[in-house]
Amino acid sequence: MSFDDANRPDAADDPELAELAGRLFDMARSGDTASLVTYLQAGVPVNLTNQTGDTLLMLAAYHGHGEAVVALLGLGADVDRPNDKNQTPLAGAVFKSHDDVVRALVSAGASPDAGTPTARDAAVMFGREDYASLWPPRMEPERPQ
């Protein structure tokens, strides 16, 4: 088994690999930063995805684990990678009102306009207009004159 094989389409057919991946996703959900970093430094792909397209970063962000989010970003996690529902880590953090995670993602370059709904739209939907101060204003398309 190779960690590089973890995102293969047939990876779920390898029980050892599937079990390890499950543990890694649980680590992201629970904020077990030290263990995650150890596995990632050993070669696990930082953008590993589960069966619904959630990355380790998505799970850590959604569950409010700022330290894990910062560590994953530091190891090269794709800040705007959406899951299979086109949801981004930033929108998930906005939805759950995880202020420290929102700030970490924005600082790492997360787009408030990526995904569906966008983080910008989620902030309005959930009464968190205060997040708007963290990102630039929406750029309106230029109209032909």
N, C-alpha and C. Protein backbone atom coordinates (compact mmCIF):
# COMPACT_ATOMS: atom_id res chain seq x y z
N MET A 1 0.85 -1.19 0.00
CA MET A 1 0.00 0.00 0.00
C MET A 1 0.88 1.24 0.00
N SER A 2 0.51 2.20 -0.79
CA SER A 2 1.23 3.46 -0.87
C SER A 2 0.26 4.59 -0.56
N PHE A 3 0.73 5.57 0.21
CA PHE A 3 -0.12 6.73 0.48
C PHE A 3 -0.47 7.45 -0.81
N ASP A 4 0.41 7.38 -1.80
CA ASP A 4 0.15 8.05 -3.08
C ASP A 4 -1.05 7.45 -3.79
N ASP A 5 -1.45 6.24 -3.41
CA ASP A 5 -2.56 5.56 -4.06
C ASP A 5 -3.91 5.92 -3.43
N ALA A 6 -3.90 6.74 -2.39
CA ALA A 6 -5.12 6.98 -1.62
C ALA A 6 -6.25 7.61 -2.42
N ASN A 7 -5.95 8.37 -3.46
CA ASN A 7 -7.00 9.01 -4.25
C ASN A 7 -7.32 8.26 -5.53
N ARG A 8 -6.78 7.04 -5.68
CA ARG A 8 -7.14 6.21 -6.84
C ARG A 8 -8.61 5.88 -6.77
N PRO A 9 -9.29 5.75 -7.93
CA PRO A 9 -10.71 5.39 -7.91
C PRO A 9 -10.96 4.04 -7.24
N ASP A 10 -10.01 3.10 -7.32
CA ASP A 10 -10.22 1.78 -6.73
C ASP A 10 -9.64 1.66 -5.32
N ALA A 11 -9.22 2.80 -4.72
CA ALA A 11 -8.60 2.77 -3.41
C ALA A 11 -9.53 2.18 -2.35
N ALA A 12 -10.82 2.38 -2.49
CA ALA A 12 -11.78 1.85 -1.51
C ALA A 12 -11.79 0.33 -1.50
N ASP A 13 -11.27 -0.29 -2.56
CA ASP A 13 -11.21 -1.75 -2.62
C ASP A 13 -10.09 -2.31 -1.75
N ASP A 14 -9.18 -1.48 -1.28
CA ASP A 14 -8.09 -1.90 -0.42
C ASP A 14 -8.51 -1.63 1.03
N PRO A 15 -8.84 -2.68 1.79
CA PRO A 15 -9.36 -2.46 3.15
C PRO A 15 -8.39 -1.71 4.06
N GLU A 16 -7.11 -1.95 3.93
CA GLU A 16 -6.14 -1.25 4.78
C GLU A 16 -6.13 0.24 4.46
N LEU A 17 -6.14 0.56 3.18
CA LEU A 17 -6.12 1.95 2.76
C LEU A 17 -7.42 2.65 3.15
N ALA A 18 -8.53 1.97 2.98
CA ALA A 18 -9.83 2.55 3.35
C ALA A 18 -9.90 2.81 4.85
N GLU A 19 -9.37 1.89 5.64
CA GLU A 19 -9.39 2.04 7.09
C GLU A 19 -8.51 3.22 7.51
N LEU A 20 -7.33 3.32 6.92
CA LEU A 20 -6.43 4.44 7.22
C LEU A 20 -7.07 5.76 6.82
N ALA A 21 -7.65 5.82 5.64
CA ALA A 21 -8.30 7.04 5.19
C ALA A 21 -9.42 7.44 6.15
N GLY A 22 -10.20 6.46 6.60
CA GLY A 22 -11.26 6.74 7.56
C GLY A 22 -10.72 7.34 8.84
N ARG A 23 -9.61 6.82 9.32
CA ARG A 23 -8.98 7.38 10.53
C ARG A 23 -8.51 8.81 10.29
N LEU A 24 -7.94 9.06 9.10
CA LEU A 24 -7.47 10.41 8.79
C LEU A 24 -8.62 11.41 8.76
N PHE A 25 -9.73 11.02 8.16
CA PHE A 25 -10.89 11.92 8.12
C PHE A 25 -11.44 12.15 9.53
N ASP A 26 -11.40 11.12 10.37
CA ASP A 26 -11.82 11.29 11.77
C ASP A 26 -10.89 12.25 12.50
N MET A 27 -9.59 12.17 12.21
CA MET A 27 -8.62 13.09 12.83
C MET A 27 -8.94 14.53 12.44
N ALA A 28 -9.29 14.74 11.19
CA ALA A 28 -9.63 16.10 10.74
C ALA A 28 -10.90 16.58 11.43
N ARG A 29 -11.91 15.69 11.54
CA ARG A 29 -13.18 16.07 12.20
C ARG A 29 -12.98 16.40 13.67
N SER A 30 -12.07 15.67 14.32
CA SER A 30 -11.88 15.86 15.76
C SER A 30 -10.78 16.86 16.09
N GLY A 31 -10.05 17.32 15.06
CA GLY A 31 -9.00 18.31 15.30
C GLY A 31 -7.72 17.73 15.86
N ASP A 32 -7.43 16.47 15.55
CA ASP A 32 -6.20 15.82 16.01
C ASP A 32 -5.04 16.26 15.12
N THR A 33 -4.62 17.49 15.32
CA THR A 33 -3.62 18.12 14.46
C THR A 33 -2.30 17.37 14.45
N ALA A 34 -1.80 16.99 15.61
CA ALA A 34 -0.48 16.34 15.68
C ALA A 34 -0.46 15.05 14.86
N SER A 35 -1.50 14.24 14.98
CA SER A 35 -1.54 12.99 14.23
C SER A 35 -1.67 13.25 12.74
N LEU A 36 -2.53 14.20 12.36
CA LEU A 36 -2.68 14.54 10.94
C LEU A 36 -1.35 14.97 10.34
N VAL A 37 -0.66 15.86 11.01
CA VAL A 37 0.62 16.36 10.51
C VAL A 37 1.62 15.22 10.36
N THR A 38 1.65 14.32 11.31
CA THR A 38 2.57 13.18 11.24
C THR A 38 2.30 12.35 9.98
N TYR A 39 1.05 12.04 9.73
CA TYR A 39 0.70 11.25 8.54
C TYR A 39 1.00 12.02 7.24
N LEU A 40 0.69 13.30 7.24
CA LEU A 40 0.93 14.10 6.04
C LEU A 40 2.42 14.23 5.75
N GLN A 41 3.21 14.40 6.79
CA GLN A 41 4.66 14.48 6.60
C GLN A 41 5.24 13.13 6.17
N ALA A 42 4.51 12.04 6.46
CA ALA A 42 4.95 10.71 6.04
C ALA A 42 4.54 10.40 4.60
N GLY A 43 3.73 11.28 4.00
CA GLY A 43 3.40 11.08 2.60
C GLY A 43 1.93 11.02 2.23
N VAL A 44 1.04 11.10 3.19
CA VAL A 44 -0.39 11.11 2.85
C VAL A 44 -0.67 12.41 2.08
N PRO A 45 -1.41 12.33 0.98
CA PRO A 45 -1.72 13.55 0.21
C PRO A 45 -2.56 14.53 1.03
N VAL A 46 -2.13 15.77 1.07
CA VAL A 46 -2.81 16.78 1.88
C VAL A 46 -4.22 17.05 1.37
N ASN A 47 -4.47 16.82 0.08
CA ASN A 47 -5.80 17.05 -0.49
C ASN A 47 -6.59 15.75 -0.65
N LEU A 48 -6.30 14.77 0.19
CA LEU A 48 -7.05 13.52 0.21
C LEU A 48 -8.53 13.81 0.35
N THR A 49 -9.36 13.12 -0.43
CA THR A 49 -10.81 13.34 -0.35
C THR A 49 -11.54 12.06 0.03
N ASN A 50 -12.68 12.24 0.67
CA ASN A 50 -13.51 11.08 1.02
C ASN A 50 -14.53 10.84 -0.09
N GLN A 51 -15.47 9.95 0.16
CA GLN A 51 -16.44 9.53 -0.86
C GLN A 51 -17.38 10.64 -1.30
N THR A 52 -17.46 11.73 -0.54
CA THR A 52 -18.30 12.86 -0.94
C THR A 52 -17.48 14.06 -1.38
N GLY A 53 -16.19 13.86 -1.56
CA GLY A 53 -15.32 14.92 -2.05
C GLY A 53 -14.82 15.87 -0.98
N ASP A 54 -15.11 15.58 0.29
CA ASP A 54 -14.60 16.43 1.36
C ASP A 54 -13.12 16.17 1.56
N THR A 55 -12.33 17.24 1.63
CA THR A 55 -10.92 17.13 1.94
C THR A 55 -10.74 17.16 3.46
N LEU A 56 -9.52 16.87 3.89
CA LEU A 56 -9.19 16.99 5.30
C LEU A 56 -9.42 18.44 5.76
N LEU A 57 -9.06 19.39 4.90
CA LEU A 57 -9.27 20.81 5.22
C LEU A 57 -10.75 21.13 5.38
N MET A 58 -11.58 20.62 4.50
CA MET A 58 -13.02 20.87 4.58
C MET A 58 -13.55 20.38 5.93
N LEU A 59 -13.17 19.18 6.31
CA LEU A 59 -13.68 18.60 7.56
C LEU A 59 -13.17 19.37 8.77
N ALA A 60 -11.89 19.72 8.78
CA ALA A 60 -11.34 20.47 9.91
C ALA A 60 -12.00 21.86 10.00
N ALA A 61 -12.21 22.50 8.85
CA ALA A 61 -12.83 23.82 8.84
C ALA A 61 -14.28 23.76 9.31
N TYR A 62 -15.04 22.83 8.79
CA TYR A 62 -16.45 22.71 9.13
C TYR A 62 -16.65 22.42 10.62
N HIS A 63 -15.72 21.66 11.19
CA HIS A 63 -15.84 21.30 12.60
C HIS A 63 -15.12 22.27 13.53
N GLY A 64 -14.58 23.36 12.96
CA GLY A 64 -14.06 24.45 13.78
C GLY A 64 -12.70 24.23 14.40
N HIS A 65 -11.85 23.48 13.76
CA HIS A 65 -10.52 23.19 14.32
C HIS A 65 -9.47 24.08 13.67
N GLY A 66 -9.35 25.30 14.20
CA GLY A 66 -8.45 26.30 13.65
C GLY A 66 -7.00 25.85 13.56
N GLU A 67 -6.51 25.19 14.58
CA GLU A 67 -5.12 24.73 14.57
C GLU A 67 -4.89 23.73 13.45
N ALA A 68 -5.82 22.81 13.27
CA ALA A 68 -5.69 21.83 12.18
C ALA A 68 -5.78 22.52 10.83
N VAL A 69 -6.67 23.49 10.70
CA VAL A 69 -6.81 24.24 9.45
C VAL A 69 -5.50 24.92 9.10
N VAL A 70 -4.90 25.61 10.05
CA VAL A 70 -3.64 26.32 9.81
C VAL A 70 -2.55 25.32 9.43
N ALA A 71 -2.49 24.19 10.10
CA ALA A 71 -1.48 23.18 9.79
C ALA A 71 -1.67 22.62 8.38
N LEU A 72 -2.91 22.31 8.03
CA LEU A 72 -3.19 21.78 6.68
C LEU A 72 -2.85 22.80 5.61
N LEU A 73 -3.18 24.06 5.85
CA LEU A 73 -2.84 25.12 4.89
C LEU A 73 -1.32 25.24 4.75
N GLY A 74 -0.62 25.14 5.87
CA GLY A 74 0.84 25.21 5.86
C GLY A 74 1.49 24.08 5.10
N LEU A 75 0.77 22.96 5.01
CA LEU A 75 1.29 21.80 4.28
C LEU A 75 0.81 21.77 2.83
N GLY A 76 0.11 22.84 2.40
CA GLY A 76 -0.26 22.96 1.00
C GLY A 76 -1.68 22.58 0.63
N ALA A 77 -2.58 22.47 1.60
CA ALA A 77 -3.97 22.14 1.28
C ALA A 77 -4.56 23.20 0.36
N ASP A 78 -5.38 22.76 -0.58
CA ASP A 78 -6.05 23.65 -1.53
C ASP A 78 -7.18 24.38 -0.81
N VAL A 79 -7.00 25.65 -0.57
CA VAL A 79 -7.91 26.45 0.25
C VAL A 79 -9.31 26.57 -0.34
N ASP A 80 -9.44 26.47 -1.66
CA ASP A 80 -10.75 26.65 -2.29
C ASP A 80 -11.32 25.36 -2.89
N ARG A 81 -10.73 24.22 -2.61
CA ARG A 81 -11.20 22.98 -3.23
C ARG A 81 -12.60 22.64 -2.73
N PRO A 82 -13.57 22.60 -3.65
CA PRO A 82 -14.95 22.28 -3.24
C PRO A 82 -15.16 20.78 -3.12
N ASN A 83 -16.19 20.41 -2.38
CA ASN A 83 -16.57 19.00 -2.32
C ASN A 83 -17.53 18.70 -3.47
N ASP A 84 -18.11 17.51 -3.47
CA ASP A 84 -18.98 17.11 -4.57
C ASP A 84 -20.27 17.94 -4.67
N LYS A 85 -20.61 18.67 -3.60
CA LYS A 85 -21.79 19.55 -3.63
C LYS A 85 -21.39 20.99 -3.96
N ASN A 86 -20.13 21.18 -4.34
CA ASN A 86 -19.57 22.49 -4.69
C ASN A 86 -19.50 23.43 -3.49
N GLN A 87 -19.37 22.87 -2.29
CA GLN A 87 -19.21 23.66 -1.07
C GLN A 87 -17.72 23.79 -0.78
N THR A 88 -17.31 24.96 -0.32
CA THR A 88 -15.90 25.20 0.00
C THR A 88 -15.68 25.22 1.52
N PRO A 89 -14.42 25.04 1.94
CA PRO A 89 -14.13 25.13 3.37
C PRO A 89 -14.55 26.47 3.97
N LEU A 90 -14.34 27.56 3.23
CA LEU A 90 -14.70 28.88 3.76
C LEU A 90 -16.21 28.99 3.97
N ALA A 91 -16.99 28.55 3.02
CA ALA A 91 -18.45 28.60 3.19
C ALA A 91 -18.90 27.75 4.37
N GLY A 92 -18.27 26.59 4.55
CA GLY A 92 -18.60 25.74 5.69
C GLY A 92 -18.28 26.40 7.01
N ALA A 93 -17.13 27.06 7.08
CA ALA A 93 -16.74 27.75 8.31
C ALA A 93 -17.65 28.94 8.59
N VAL A 94 -18.08 29.63 7.54
CA VAL A 94 -19.02 30.75 7.70
C VAL A 94 -20.35 30.20 8.21
N PHE A 95 -20.84 29.13 7.61
CA PHE A 95 -22.10 28.51 8.01
C PHE A 95 -22.09 28.15 9.49
N LYS A 96 -20.97 27.64 9.97
CA LYS A 96 -20.86 27.23 11.37
C LYS A 96 -20.38 28.34 12.30
N SER A 97 -20.10 29.54 11.75
CA SER A 97 -19.62 30.69 12.52
C SER A 97 -18.34 30.40 13.31
N HIS A 98 -17.39 29.76 12.65
CA HIS A 98 -16.09 29.49 13.26
C HIS A 98 -15.16 30.64 12.87
N ASP A 99 -15.19 31.71 13.67
CA ASP A 99 -14.49 32.94 13.34
C ASP A 99 -13.00 32.74 13.09
N ASP A 100 -12.32 31.98 13.95
CA ASP A 100 -10.87 31.80 13.77
C ASP A 100 -10.57 31.04 12.48
N VAL A 101 -11.41 30.09 12.13
CA VAL A 101 -11.22 29.33 10.90
C VAL A 101 -11.49 30.21 9.69
N VAL A 102 -12.52 31.01 9.74
CA VAL A 102 -12.82 31.93 8.64
C VAL A 102 -11.62 32.84 8.41
N ARG A 103 -11.08 33.42 9.48
CA ARG A 103 -9.94 34.32 9.33
C ARG A 103 -8.72 33.59 8.76
N ALA A 104 -8.46 32.38 9.22
CA ALA A 104 -7.30 31.61 8.73
C ALA A 104 -7.45 31.31 7.24
N LEU A 105 -8.64 30.92 6.82
CA LEU A 105 -8.87 30.60 5.41
C LEU A 105 -8.74 31.84 4.53
N VAL A 106 -9.32 32.96 4.98
CA VAL A 106 -9.22 34.21 4.21
C VAL A 106 -7.76 34.65 4.14
N SER A 107 -7.04 34.54 5.25
CA SER A 107 -5.62 34.91 5.26
C SER A 107 -4.80 34.06 4.29
N ALA A 108 -5.25 32.83 4.07
CA ALA A 108 -4.56 31.92 3.15
C ALA A 108 -5.01 32.12 1.71
N GLY A 109 -5.91 33.06 1.47
CA GLY A 109 -6.33 33.37 0.11
C GLY A 109 -7.63 32.76 -0.34
N ALA A 110 -8.43 32.23 0.58
CA ALA A 110 -9.71 31.64 0.19
C ALA A 110 -10.61 32.70 -0.44
N SER A 111 -11.27 32.31 -1.52
CA SER A 111 -12.17 33.23 -2.21
C SER A 111 -13.56 33.20 -1.58
N PRO A 112 -14.09 34.37 -1.24
CA PRO A 112 -15.45 34.41 -0.70
C PRO A 112 -16.50 34.15 -1.78
N ASP A 113 -16.06 34.08 -3.04
CA ASP A 113 -16.99 33.90 -4.15
C ASP A 113 -16.91 32.52 -4.79
N ALA A 114 -16.13 31.61 -4.22
CA ALA A 114 -16.03 30.25 -4.75
C ALA A 114 -17.16 29.40 -4.19
N GLY A 115 -17.56 28.41 -4.95
CA GLY A 115 -18.54 27.43 -4.48
C GLY A 115 -19.97 27.91 -4.53
N THR A 116 -20.85 27.00 -4.05
CA THR A 116 -22.28 27.26 -4.01
C THR A 116 -22.86 26.69 -2.72
N PRO A 117 -23.46 27.47 -1.86
CA PRO A 117 -23.46 28.92 -1.93
C PRO A 117 -22.06 29.45 -1.66
N THR A 118 -21.79 30.65 -2.08
CA THR A 118 -20.50 31.25 -1.79
C THR A 118 -20.45 31.61 -0.30
N ALA A 119 -19.25 31.81 0.21
CA ALA A 119 -19.11 32.24 1.60
C ALA A 119 -19.76 33.60 1.80
N ARG A 120 -19.64 34.43 0.78
CA ARG A 120 -20.26 35.77 0.84
C ARG A 120 -21.77 35.63 1.01
N ASP A 121 -22.39 34.77 0.20
CA ASP A 121 -23.84 34.58 0.29
C ASP A 121 -24.23 33.90 1.61
N ALA A 122 -23.42 32.93 2.05
CA ALA A 122 -23.70 32.24 3.32
C ALA A 122 -23.66 33.23 4.48
N ALA A 123 -22.72 34.17 4.44
CA ALA A 123 -22.63 35.16 5.51
C ALA A 123 -23.91 35.98 5.61
N VAL A 124 -24.46 36.35 4.48
CA VAL A 124 -25.72 37.11 4.47
C VAL A 124 -26.86 36.22 4.96
N MET A 125 -26.92 34.99 4.43
CA MET A 125 -28.01 34.07 4.82
C MET A 125 -28.07 33.81 6.32
N PHE A 126 -26.89 33.74 6.95
CA PHE A 126 -26.84 33.37 8.35
C PHE A 126 -26.53 34.55 9.28
N GLY A 127 -26.76 35.76 8.77
CA GLY A 127 -26.65 36.94 9.61
C GLY A 127 -25.23 37.25 10.05
N ARG A 128 -24.25 36.90 9.24
CA ARG A 128 -22.85 37.18 9.58
C ARG A 128 -22.25 38.18 8.60
N GLU A 129 -22.98 39.27 8.39
CA GLU A 129 -22.50 40.31 7.50
C GLU A 129 -21.17 40.88 7.98
N ASP A 130 -20.84 40.70 9.27
CA ASP A 130 -19.56 41.18 9.79
C ASP A 130 -18.37 40.53 9.09
N TYR A 131 -18.58 39.36 8.52
CA TYR A 131 -17.49 38.72 7.79
C TYR A 131 -17.10 39.50 6.54
N ALA A 132 -18.01 40.33 6.03
CA ALA A 132 -17.72 41.09 4.81
C ALA A 132 -16.49 41.97 4.96
N SER A 133 -16.16 42.35 6.19
CA SER A 133 -14.96 43.18 6.40
C SER A 133 -13.68 42.39 6.15
N LEU A 134 -13.78 41.07 6.06
CA LEU A 134 -12.60 40.23 5.85
C LEU A 134 -12.24 40.05 4.38
N TRP A 135 -13.20 40.31 3.49
CA TRP A 135 -12.91 40.11 2.08
C TRP A 135 -13.25 41.35 1.26
N PRO A 136 -12.67 41.42 0.06
CA PRO A 136 -12.92 42.60 -0.78
C PRO A 136 -14.37 42.64 -1.25
N PRO A 137 -14.85 43.83 -1.60
CA PRO A 137 -16.22 43.91 -2.11
C PRO A 137 -16.37 43.10 -3.40
N ARG A 138 -17.58 42.64 -3.63
CA ARG A 138 -17.88 41.88 -4.85
C ARG A 138 -17.65 42.78 -6.05
N MET A 139 -16.96 42.25 -7.02
CA MET A 139 -16.70 43.01 -8.24
C MET A 139 -17.88 42.81 -9.19
N GLU A 140 -18.52 43.89 -9.54
CA GLU A 140 -19.63 43.85 -10.49
C GLU A 140 -19.07 43.82 -11.91
N PRO A 141 -19.67 43.02 -12.79
CA PRO A 141 -19.17 43.03 -14.19
C PRO A 141 -19.38 44.39 -14.83
N GLU A 142 -18.42 44.75 -15.66
CA GLU A 142 -18.54 46.03 -16.37
C GLU A 142 -19.62 45.93 -17.42
N ARG A 143 -20.40 47.00 -17.54
CA ARG A 143 -21.48 47.03 -18.55
C ARG A 143 -20.96 47.74 -19.79
N PRO A 144 -21.30 47.20 -20.93
CA PRO A 144 -20.89 47.89 -22.17
C PRO A 144 -21.57 49.25 -22.26
N GLN A 145 -20.85 50.20 -22.80
CA GLN A 145 -21.42 51.56 -22.91
C GLN A 145 -21.96 51.81 -24.27
